[in-house]
C-alpha cells in the first residue's frame, strides 16, 4: 500500500500537506524547517526540487528555488535529503513536485533512485496527461504513485480522466495563475471541489494560493481529502532569513493551528 493510501484511509480525518523547496535557504536549515512542520503534525510532505525555470511557480517560490540553487543544491543532493527524511519518518507520505526536465534528462534510472529513496508519489506540473505515458509507466514500474493535476477550467469529462489516471491522489489547482498566496477565493473555487467529488471517491488534494487556516478548512469542508500550503511557508523563510528560528516557530504555530 502506498503511504498516501494509508493516510487518506483514516476515517474522519483530513490531511494537511506542507510544501517546501528542498535546500531553501541551505540544506541543513531546510531540514530543520521540514522537521518543524512534520513534528507539529503535518500528515504528509510535498517537496520541490529547485529548478532554474519553474514555470508554474510564482515569485515567492521562484525566489525560494533560487536561494536553494545558490546554496549549492543539486538534484543528487535533493535525493539524499529525501533519503534522510525517510530515515527519520519511515511512515510519512512523501510526494514530489518536479519539473519533468529533471526526470527526462536522467531517464529510467531517476525513477529507480526516487523509489529507493522512499518517494511515494510524483507530480510534474509541466507534463500534460497526453504526453505522460512513459512517465506514468515508469512510476508504475517502480511502485511510485502518479499525481495528475486538474486546472480550474478543466471540463468535467477531462477531470474524470485525470482522476482515473492518478494512483496516489489528484492535485486540484484552486485558482488560475501560478503559485502564491491568495487573499480570497471565489465561491466557485470551493464549490468546484464538491462537483469533482461527485465524479469519484478517489482522493482529491487542493493546492495553489492557500495560506490561511480558514482557507484550509473551507476546502476540507467542501470535500477535499487534503490541502497543500507552500508559498506561505516559503515567504516565512524569506522574511526571517536573519533568524530562521522565527520561521520554524511560525511554521509550527500554523501547522498546530490547522491540526487543532
C-alpha atoms as a PDB file:
ATOM      1  CA  UNK A   1       0.000   0.000   0.000  1.00  0.00           C
ATOM      2  CA  UNK A   2       1.221   3.479  -0.889  1.00  0.00           C
ATOM      3  CA  UNK A   3       1.746   5.579   2.250  1.00  0.00           C
ATOM      4  CA  UNK A   4      -0.718   8.132   0.903  1.00  0.00           C
ATOM      5  CA  UNK A   5      -3.360   5.402   0.751  1.00  0.00           C
ATOM      6  CA  UNK A   6      -2.942   4.770   4.461  1.00  0.00           C
ATOM      7  CA  UNK A   7      -3.311   8.471   5.315  1.00  0.00           C
ATOM      8  CA  UNK A   8      -6.399   9.023   3.173  1.00  0.00           C
ATOM      9  CA  UNK A   9      -7.985   5.839   4.525  1.00  0.00           C
ATOM     10  CA  UNK A  10      -8.180   7.304   8.027  1.00  0.00           C
ATOM     11  CA  UNK A  11     -11.872   7.923   8.778  1.00  0.00           C
ATOM     12  CA  UNK A  12     -12.972  11.450   9.642  1.00  0.00           C
ATOM     13  CA  UNK A  13      -9.504  12.948   9.162  1.00  0.00           C
ATOM     14  CA  UNK A  14      -8.476  15.462   6.533  1.00  0.00           C
ATOM     15  CA  UNK A  15      -4.824  15.781   5.573  1.00  0.00           C
ATOM     16  CA  UNK A  16      -2.612  18.837   5.848  1.00  0.00           C
ATOM     17  CA  UNK A  17       0.380  18.751   3.497  1.00  0.00           C
ATOM     18  CA  UNK A  18       3.074  21.450   3.618  1.00  0.00           C
ATOM     19  CA  UNK A  19       5.270  22.121   0.592  1.00  0.00           C
ATOM     20  CA  UNK A  20       8.941  23.019   0.912  1.00  0.00           C
ATOM     21  CA  UNK A  21      11.679  23.628  -1.623  1.00  0.00           C
ATOM     22  CA  UNK A  22      14.500  21.295  -0.700  1.00  0.00           C
ATOM     23  CA  UNK A  23      17.634  23.253   0.216  1.00  0.00           C
ATOM     24  CA  UNK A  24      15.984  26.627   0.903  1.00  0.00           C
ATOM     25  CA  UNK A  25      17.842  28.523   2.231  1.00  0.00           C
ATOM     26  CA  UNK A  26      20.501  25.847   2.880  1.00  0.00           C
ATOM     27  CA  UNK A  27      20.386  22.090   3.137  1.00  0.00           C
ATOM     28  CA  UNK A  28      20.671  21.994   6.931  1.00  0.00           C
ATOM     29  CA  UNK A  29      18.201  24.811   7.536  1.00  0.00           C
ATOM     30  CA  UNK A  30      15.775  23.259   5.063  1.00  0.00           C
ATOM     31  CA  UNK A  31      15.848  20.025   7.017  1.00  0.00           C
ATOM     32  CA  UNK A  32      15.112  21.885  10.255  1.00  0.00           C
ATOM     33  CA  UNK A  33      12.145  23.678   8.668  1.00  0.00           C
ATOM     34  CA  UNK A  34      10.717  20.438   7.302  1.00  0.00           C
ATOM     35  CA  UNK A  35      11.117  18.695  10.632  1.00  0.00           C
ATOM     36  CA  UNK A  36       9.365  21.584  12.386  1.00  0.00           C
ATOM     37  CA  UNK A  37       6.308  21.099  10.158  1.00  0.00           C
ATOM     38  CA  UNK A  38       6.210  17.319  10.490  1.00  0.00           C
ATOM     39  CA  UNK A  39       6.774  17.329  14.233  1.00  0.00           C
ATOM     40  CA  UNK A  40       3.938  19.861  14.582  1.00  0.00           C
ATOM     41  CA  UNK A  41       1.521  17.398  12.994  1.00  0.00           C
ATOM     42  CA  UNK A  42       1.738  17.558   9.195  1.00  0.00           C
ATOM     43  CA  UNK A  43       0.175  14.444   7.661  1.00  0.00           C
ATOM     44  CA  UNK A  44       2.466  14.234   4.629  1.00  0.00           C
ATOM     45  CA  UNK A  45       5.035  16.259   2.700  1.00  0.00           C
ATOM     46  CA  UNK A  46       5.137  17.720  -0.792  1.00  0.00           C
ATOM     47  CA  UNK A  47       8.744  18.581  -1.673  1.00  0.00           C
ATOM     48  CA  UNK A  48      10.119  20.523  -4.611  1.00  0.00           C
ATOM     49  CA  UNK A  49      13.481  20.033  -6.280  1.00  0.00           C
ATOM     50  CA  UNK A  50      14.833  23.503  -7.162  1.00  0.00           C
ATOM     51  CA  UNK A  51      14.746  24.197 -10.905  1.00  0.00           C
ATOM     52  CA  UNK A  52      16.016  27.126 -12.944  1.00  0.00           C
ATOM     53  CA  UNK A  53      12.788  27.675 -14.913  1.00  0.00           C
ATOM     54  CA  UNK A  54       9.848  26.911 -12.584  1.00  0.00           C
ATOM     55  CA  UNK A  55       7.056  27.926 -14.966  1.00  0.00           C
ATOM     56  CA  UNK A  56       4.101  27.082 -12.699  1.00  0.00           C
ATOM     57  CA  UNK A  57       5.560  28.809  -9.653  1.00  0.00           C
ATOM     58  CA  UNK A  58       5.005  32.448  -8.733  1.00  0.00           C
ATOM     59  CA  UNK A  59       7.623  34.923  -7.488  1.00  0.00           C
ATOM     60  CA  UNK A  60       7.753  33.636  -3.896  1.00  0.00           C
ATOM     61  CA  UNK A  61       8.551  30.042  -4.801  1.00  0.00           C
ATOM     62  CA  UNK A  62      10.801  31.193  -7.645  1.00  0.00           C
ATOM     63  CA  UNK A  63      12.911  33.073  -5.112  1.00  0.00           C
ATOM     64  CA  UNK A  64      12.824  30.019  -2.848  1.00  0.00           C
ATOM     65  CA  UNK A  65      14.248  27.892  -5.650  1.00  0.00           C
ATOM     66  CA  UNK A  66      16.902  30.490  -6.473  1.00  0.00           C
ATOM     67  CA  UNK A  67      18.017  30.505  -2.838  1.00  0.00           C
ATOM     68  CA  UNK A  68      18.271  26.719  -2.862  1.00  0.00           C
ATOM     69  CA  UNK A  69      20.266  26.672  -6.102  1.00  0.00           C
ATOM     70  CA  UNK A  70      22.522  29.464  -4.851  1.00  0.00           C
ATOM     71  CA  UNK A  71      23.252  27.432  -1.714  1.00  0.00           C
ATOM     72  CA  UNK A  72      24.617  24.652  -3.924  1.00  0.00           C
ATOM     73  CA  UNK A  73      21.650  22.280  -4.021  1.00  0.00           C
ATOM     74  CA  UNK A  74      21.696  19.778  -6.871  1.00  0.00           C
ATOM     75  CA  UNK A  75      19.347  17.027  -7.994  1.00  0.00           C
ATOM     76  CA  UNK A  76      21.505  14.395  -6.291  1.00  0.00           C
ATOM     77  CA  UNK A  77      21.592  16.427  -3.074  1.00  0.00           C
ATOM     78  CA  UNK A  78      17.782  16.569  -3.137  1.00  0.00           C
ATOM     79  CA  UNK A  79      17.557  12.789  -3.473  1.00  0.00           C
ATOM     80  CA  UNK A  80      19.865  12.415  -0.490  1.00  0.00           C
ATOM     81  CA  UNK A  81      17.699  14.814   1.520  1.00  0.00           C
ATOM     82  CA  UNK A  82      14.652  12.696   0.732  1.00  0.00           C
ATOM     83  CA  UNK A  83      16.542   9.627   1.964  1.00  0.00           C
ATOM     84  CA  UNK A  84      17.336  11.401   5.214  1.00  0.00           C
ATOM     85  CA  UNK A  85      13.719  12.472   5.694  1.00  0.00           C
ATOM     86  CA  UNK A  86      12.550   8.920   5.007  1.00  0.00           C
ATOM     87  CA  UNK A  87      15.004   7.567   7.584  1.00  0.00           C
ATOM     88  CA  UNK A  88      13.626   9.933  10.223  1.00  0.00           C
ATOM     89  CA  UNK A  89       9.951   9.432   9.277  1.00  0.00           C
ATOM     90  CA  UNK A  90       9.515   5.880   7.952  1.00  0.00           C
ATOM     91  CA  UNK A  91       5.710   6.025   7.640  1.00  0.00           C
ATOM     92  CA  UNK A  92       5.293   9.620   6.443  1.00  0.00           C
ATOM     93  CA  UNK A  93       3.928  10.002   2.885  1.00  0.00           C
ATOM     94  CA  UNK A  94       6.365  11.937   0.711  1.00  0.00           C
ATOM     95  CA  UNK A  95       5.302  13.415  -2.611  1.00  0.00           C
ATOM     96  CA  UNK A  96       7.476  15.340  -5.034  1.00  0.00           C
ATOM     97  CA  UNK A  97       6.511  18.246  -7.233  1.00  0.00           C
ATOM     98  CA  UNK A  98       9.044  18.149 -10.062  1.00  0.00           C
ATOM     99  CA  UNK A  99       9.579  19.759 -13.415  1.00  0.00           C
ATOM    100  CA  UNK A 100       9.706  16.972 -15.945  1.00  0.00           C
ATOM    101  CA  UNK A 101      13.048  18.020 -17.462  1.00  0.00           C
ATOM    102  CA  UNK A 102      14.714  16.823 -14.265  1.00  0.00           C
ATOM    103  CA  UNK A 103      13.398  13.296 -14.815  1.00  0.00           C
ATOM    104  CA  UNK A 104      13.573  13.200 -18.614  1.00  0.00           C
ATOM    105  CA  UNK A 105      17.254  14.158 -18.532  1.00  0.00           C
ATOM    106  CA  UNK A 106      18.055  11.153 -16.318  1.00  0.00           C
ATOM    107  CA  UNK A 107      15.781   8.573 -17.869  1.00  0.00           C
ATOM    108  CA  UNK A 108      14.540   5.439 -16.154  1.00  0.00           C
ATOM    109  CA  UNK A 109      17.285   5.394 -13.537  1.00  0.00           C
ATOM    110  CA  UNK A 110      15.779   8.507 -11.929  1.00  0.00           C
ATOM    111  CA  UNK A 111      12.605   6.627 -11.022  1.00  0.00           C
ATOM    112  CA  UNK A 112      14.592   3.770  -9.505  1.00  0.00           C
ATOM    113  CA  UNK A 113      16.557   6.284  -7.407  1.00  0.00           C
ATOM    114  CA  UNK A 114      13.411   8.009  -6.186  1.00  0.00           C
ATOM    115  CA  UNK A 115      11.781   4.720  -5.259  1.00  0.00           C
ATOM    116  CA  UNK A 116      14.894   3.633  -3.397  1.00  0.00           C
ATOM    117  CA  UNK A 117      14.946   6.963  -1.543  1.00  0.00           C
ATOM    118  CA  UNK A 118      11.402   6.368  -0.300  1.00  0.00           C
ATOM    119  CA  UNK A 119       9.320   8.636  -2.541  1.00  0.00           C
ATOM    120  CA  UNK A 120       5.608   7.747  -2.558  1.00  0.00           C
ATOM    121  CA  UNK A 121       4.271   9.907  -5.386  1.00  0.00           C
ATOM    122  CA  UNK A 122       5.307  12.402  -8.070  1.00  0.00           C
ATOM    123  CA  UNK A 123       3.529  15.216  -9.883  1.00  0.00           C
ATOM    124  CA  UNK A 124       5.084  17.020 -12.843  1.00  0.00           C
ATOM    125  CA  UNK A 125       3.254  20.307 -13.191  1.00  0.00           C
ATOM    126  CA  UNK A 126       4.524  20.887 -16.735  1.00  0.00           C
ATOM    127  CA  UNK A 127       3.607  17.450 -18.143  1.00  0.00           C
ATOM    128  CA  UNK A 128       0.112  17.057 -19.636  1.00  0.00           C
ATOM    129  CA  UNK A 129      -1.535  13.658 -19.442  1.00  0.00           C
ATOM    130  CA  UNK A 130      -1.361  13.250 -23.225  1.00  0.00           C
ATOM    131  CA  UNK A 131       2.455  13.349 -23.036  1.00  0.00           C
ATOM    132  CA  UNK A 132       2.867  11.400 -19.821  1.00  0.00           C
ATOM    133  CA  UNK A 133       2.669   7.789 -20.990  1.00  0.00           C
ATOM    134  CA  UNK A 134       6.328   6.892 -20.450  1.00  0.00           C
ATOM    135  CA  UNK A 135       6.407   8.802 -17.163  1.00  0.00           C
ATOM    136  CA  UNK A 136       3.313   7.000 -15.856  1.00  0.00           C
ATOM    137  CA  UNK A 137       4.698   3.623 -16.931  1.00  0.00           C
ATOM    138  CA  UNK A 138       7.986   4.249 -15.123  1.00  0.00           C
ATOM    139  CA  UNK A 139       6.190   5.381 -11.986  1.00  0.00           C
ATOM    140  CA  UNK A 140       4.155   2.195 -12.034  1.00  0.00           C
ATOM    141  CA  UNK A 141       7.183   0.040 -12.699  1.00  0.00           C
ATOM    142  CA  UNK A 142       8.834   1.405  -9.550  1.00  0.00           C
ATOM    143  CA  UNK A 143       5.638   1.479  -7.450  1.00  0.00           C
ATOM    144  CA  UNK A 144       5.587   5.259  -7.158  1.00  0.00           C
ATOM    145  CA  UNK A 145       2.158   6.880  -7.128  1.00  0.00           C
ATOM    146  CA  UNK A 146       1.105   9.095 -10.019  1.00  0.00           C
ATOM    147  CA  UNK A 147      -0.456  12.514  -9.372  1.00  0.00           C
ATOM    148  CA  UNK A 148      -2.304  14.299 -12.172  1.00  0.00           C
ATOM    149  CA  UNK A 149      -3.381  17.947 -11.942  1.00  0.00           C
ATOM    150  CA  UNK A 150      -6.832  19.419 -12.600  1.00  0.00           C
ATOM    151  CA  UNK A 151      -6.898  23.088 -13.645  1.00  0.00           C
ATOM    152  CA  UNK A 152      -9.736  25.473 -12.734  1.00  0.00           C
ATOM    153  CA  UNK A 153     -11.106  25.385 -16.299  1.00  0.00           C
ATOM    154  CA  UNK A 154     -10.760  21.629 -16.848  1.00  0.00           C
ATOM    155  CA  UNK A 155     -14.021  20.194 -18.273  1.00  0.00           C
ATOM    156  CA  UNK A 156     -15.596  17.534 -16.088  1.00  0.00           C
ATOM    157  CA  UNK A 157     -15.072  14.815 -18.689  1.00  0.00           C
ATOM    158  CA  UNK A 158     -11.351  15.511 -18.738  1.00  0.00           C
ATOM    159  CA  UNK A 159     -11.286  15.864 -14.945  1.00  0.00           C
ATOM    160  CA  UNK A 160     -12.705  12.350 -14.652  1.00  0.00           C
ATOM    161  CA  UNK A 161      -9.898  11.091 -16.900  1.00  0.00           C
ATOM    162  CA  UNK A 162      -7.271  12.849 -14.771  1.00  0.00           C
ATOM    163  CA  UNK A 163      -8.708  11.431 -11.556  1.00  0.00           C
ATOM    164  CA  UNK A 164      -8.765   7.970 -13.085  1.00  0.00           C
ATOM    165  CA  UNK A 165      -5.134   8.406 -14.145  1.00  0.00           C
ATOM    166  CA  UNK A 166      -3.977   9.287 -10.635  1.00  0.00           C
ATOM    167  CA  UNK A 167      -2.856   6.492  -8.338  1.00  0.00           C
ATOM    168  CA  UNK A 168      -1.870   8.455  -5.198  1.00  0.00           C
ATOM    169  CA  UNK A 169      -4.184  11.476  -5.329  1.00  0.00           C
ATOM    170  CA  UNK A 170      -5.332  14.086  -7.811  1.00  0.00           C
ATOM    171  CA  UNK A 171      -4.000  17.613  -7.384  1.00  0.00           C
ATOM    172  CA  UNK A 172      -6.815  20.154  -7.763  1.00  0.00           C
ATOM    173  CA  UNK A 173      -5.468  23.614  -8.642  1.00  0.00           C
ATOM    174  CA  UNK A 174      -7.556  26.087  -6.677  1.00  0.00           C
ATOM    175  CA  UNK A 175      -7.285  29.099  -8.976  1.00  0.00           C
ATOM    176  CA  UNK A 176      -5.822  30.405 -12.224  1.00  0.00           C
ATOM    177  CA  UNK A 177      -2.208  31.547 -12.331  1.00  0.00           C
ATOM    178  CA  UNK A 178       0.969  30.414 -10.650  1.00  0.00           C
ATOM    179  CA  UNK A 179       1.623  29.512  -7.026  1.00  0.00           C
ATOM    180  CA  UNK A 180       1.383  32.283  -4.437  1.00  0.00           C
ATOM    181  CA  UNK A 181      -0.926  33.374  -1.614  1.00  0.00           C
ATOM    182  CA  UNK A 182      -4.499  34.445  -2.410  1.00  0.00           C
ATOM    183  CA  UNK A 183      -6.356  36.874  -0.155  1.00  0.00           C
ATOM    184  CA  UNK A 184      -9.683  35.292  -1.034  1.00  0.00           C
ATOM    185  CA  UNK A 185     -11.178  32.502  -3.121  1.00  0.00           C
ATOM    186  CA  UNK A 186     -14.429  32.802  -5.028  1.00  0.00           C
ATOM    187  CA  UNK A 187     -17.349  30.606  -4.043  1.00  0.00           C
ATOM    188  CA  UNK A 188     -16.904  28.638  -7.252  1.00  0.00           C
ATOM    189  CA  UNK A 189     -13.346  27.635  -6.327  1.00  0.00           C
ATOM    190  CA  UNK A 190     -14.636  25.950  -3.183  1.00  0.00           C
ATOM    191  CA  UNK A 191     -17.877  24.514  -4.593  1.00  0.00           C
ATOM    192  CA  UNK A 192     -15.982  23.057  -7.545  1.00  0.00           C
ATOM    193  CA  UNK A 193     -14.298  20.618  -5.153  1.00  0.00           C
ATOM    194  CA  UNK A 194     -17.732  19.210  -4.348  1.00  0.00           C
ATOM    195  CA  UNK A 195     -18.526  18.813  -8.043  1.00  0.00           C
ATOM    196  CA  UNK A 196     -15.259  16.961  -8.569  1.00  0.00           C
ATOM    197  CA  UNK A 197     -16.023  14.807  -5.531  1.00  0.00           C
ATOM    198  CA  UNK A 198     -19.213  13.699  -7.278  1.00  0.00           C
ATOM    199  CA  UNK A 199     -17.054  12.193 -10.040  1.00  0.00           C
ATOM    200  CA  UNK A 200     -15.106   9.814  -7.829  1.00  0.00           C
ATOM    201  CA  UNK A 201     -14.309   8.763  -4.278  1.00  0.00           C
ATOM    202  CA  UNK A 202     -10.562   8.778  -5.066  1.00  0.00           C
ATOM    203  CA  UNK A 203      -8.506  11.291  -3.039  1.00  0.00           C
ATOM    204  CA  UNK A 204      -8.530  14.952  -4.072  1.00  0.00           C
ATOM    205  CA  UNK A 205      -5.926  17.370  -2.720  1.00  0.00           C
ATOM    206  CA  UNK A 206      -6.241  21.128  -3.271  1.00  0.00           C
ATOM    207  CA  UNK A 207      -3.298  23.486  -3.675  1.00  0.00           C
ATOM    208  CA  UNK A 208      -2.146  26.886  -5.041  1.00  0.00           C
ATOM    209  CA  UNK A 209      -2.764  30.102  -3.174  1.00  0.00           C
ATOM    210  CA  UNK A 210      -3.781  28.685   0.196  1.00  0.00           C
ATOM    211  CA  UNK A 211      -2.118  30.392   3.131  1.00  0.00           C
ATOM    212  CA  UNK A 212      -4.650  30.781   5.948  1.00  0.00           C
ATOM    213  CA  UNK A 213      -6.228  28.341   8.366  1.00  0.00           C
ATOM    214  CA  UNK A 214      -9.771  29.248   7.296  1.00  0.00           C
ATOM    215  CA  UNK A 215      -8.892  28.624   3.655  1.00  0.00           C
ATOM    216  CA  UNK A 216      -7.591  25.166   4.567  1.00  0.00           C
ATOM    217  CA  UNK A 217     -10.750  24.264   6.455  1.00  0.00           C
ATOM    218  CA  UNK A 218     -13.014  25.684   3.727  1.00  0.00           C
ATOM    219  CA  UNK A 219     -11.537  23.273   1.187  1.00  0.00           C
ATOM    220  CA  UNK A 220     -11.647  20.402   3.663  1.00  0.00           C
ATOM    221  CA  UNK A 221     -15.311  21.118   4.324  1.00  0.00           C
ATOM    222  CA  UNK A 222     -16.004  21.213   0.585  1.00  0.00           C
ATOM    223  CA  UNK A 223     -14.833  17.612   0.203  1.00  0.00           C
ATOM    224  CA  UNK A 224     -11.065  17.775  -0.293  1.00  0.00           C
ATOM    225  CA  UNK A 225      -9.139  14.912   1.286  1.00  0.00           C
ATOM    226  CA  UNK A 226      -6.125  17.144   1.750  1.00  0.00           C
ATOM    227  CA  UNK A 227      -4.795  20.663   1.314  1.00  0.00           C
ATOM    228  CA  UNK A 228      -1.286  21.782   0.347  1.00  0.00           C
ATOM    229  CA  UNK A 229       0.226  25.028   1.652  1.00  0.00           C
ATOM    230  CA  UNK A 230       3.546  26.079   0.143  1.00  0.00           C
ATOM    231  CA  UNK A 231       4.206  29.710  -0.782  1.00  0.00           C
ATOM    232  CA  UNK A 232       3.110  30.822   2.688  1.00  0.00           C
ATOM    233  CA  UNK A 233       5.956  28.821   4.204  1.00  0.00           C
ATOM    234  CA  UNK A 234       8.448  29.953   1.541  1.00  0.00           C
ATOM    235  CA  UNK A 235       7.543  33.539   2.431  1.00  0.00           C
ATOM    236  CA  UNK A 236       8.068  32.883   6.149  1.00  0.00           C
ATOM    237  CA  UNK A 237      11.563  31.652   5.288  1.00  0.00           C
ATOM    238  CA  UNK A 238      12.240  34.711   3.134  1.00  0.00           C
ATOM    239  CA  UNK A 239      11.045  37.143   5.788  1.00  0.00           C
ATOM    240  CA  UNK A 240      13.156  35.535   8.533  1.00  0.00           C
ATOM    241  CA  UNK A 241      16.440  34.672   6.831  1.00  0.00           C
ATOM    242  CA  UNK A 242      18.318  36.505   9.585  1.00  0.00           C
ATOM    243  CA  UNK A 243      16.701  34.350  12.274  1.00  0.00           C
ATOM    244  CA  UNK A 244      15.241  31.117  10.925  1.00  0.00           C
ATOM    245  CA  UNK A 245      14.211  30.034  14.418  1.00  0.00           C
ATOM    246  CA  UNK A 246      11.388  32.556  13.988  1.00  0.00           C
ATOM    247  CA  UNK A 247      10.343  30.905  10.719  1.00  0.00           C
ATOM    248  CA  UNK A 248      10.373  27.482  12.374  1.00  0.00           C
ATOM    249  CA  UNK A 249       8.237  28.763  15.243  1.00  0.00           C
ATOM    250  CA  UNK A 250       5.708  30.314  12.861  1.00  0.00           C
ATOM    251  CA  UNK A 251       5.544  27.124  10.798  1.00  0.00           C
ATOM    252  CA  UNK A 252       4.999  25.139  13.991  1.00  0.00           C
ATOM    253  CA  UNK A 253       2.213  27.519  15.059  1.00  0.00           C
ATOM    254  CA  UNK A 254       0.476  27.362  11.673  1.00  0.00           C
ATOM    255  CA  UNK A 255       0.505  23.567  11.458  1.00  0.00           C
ATOM    256  CA  UNK A 256      -0.689  23.171  15.052  1.00  0.00           C
ATOM    257  CA  UNK A 257      -3.489  25.692  14.490  1.00  0.00           C
ATOM    258  CA  UNK A 258      -4.691  23.768  11.451  1.00  0.00           C
ATOM    259  CA  UNK A 259      -4.394  20.369  13.052  1.00  0.00           C
ATOM    260  CA  UNK A 260      -6.133  21.614  16.172  1.00  0.00           C
END
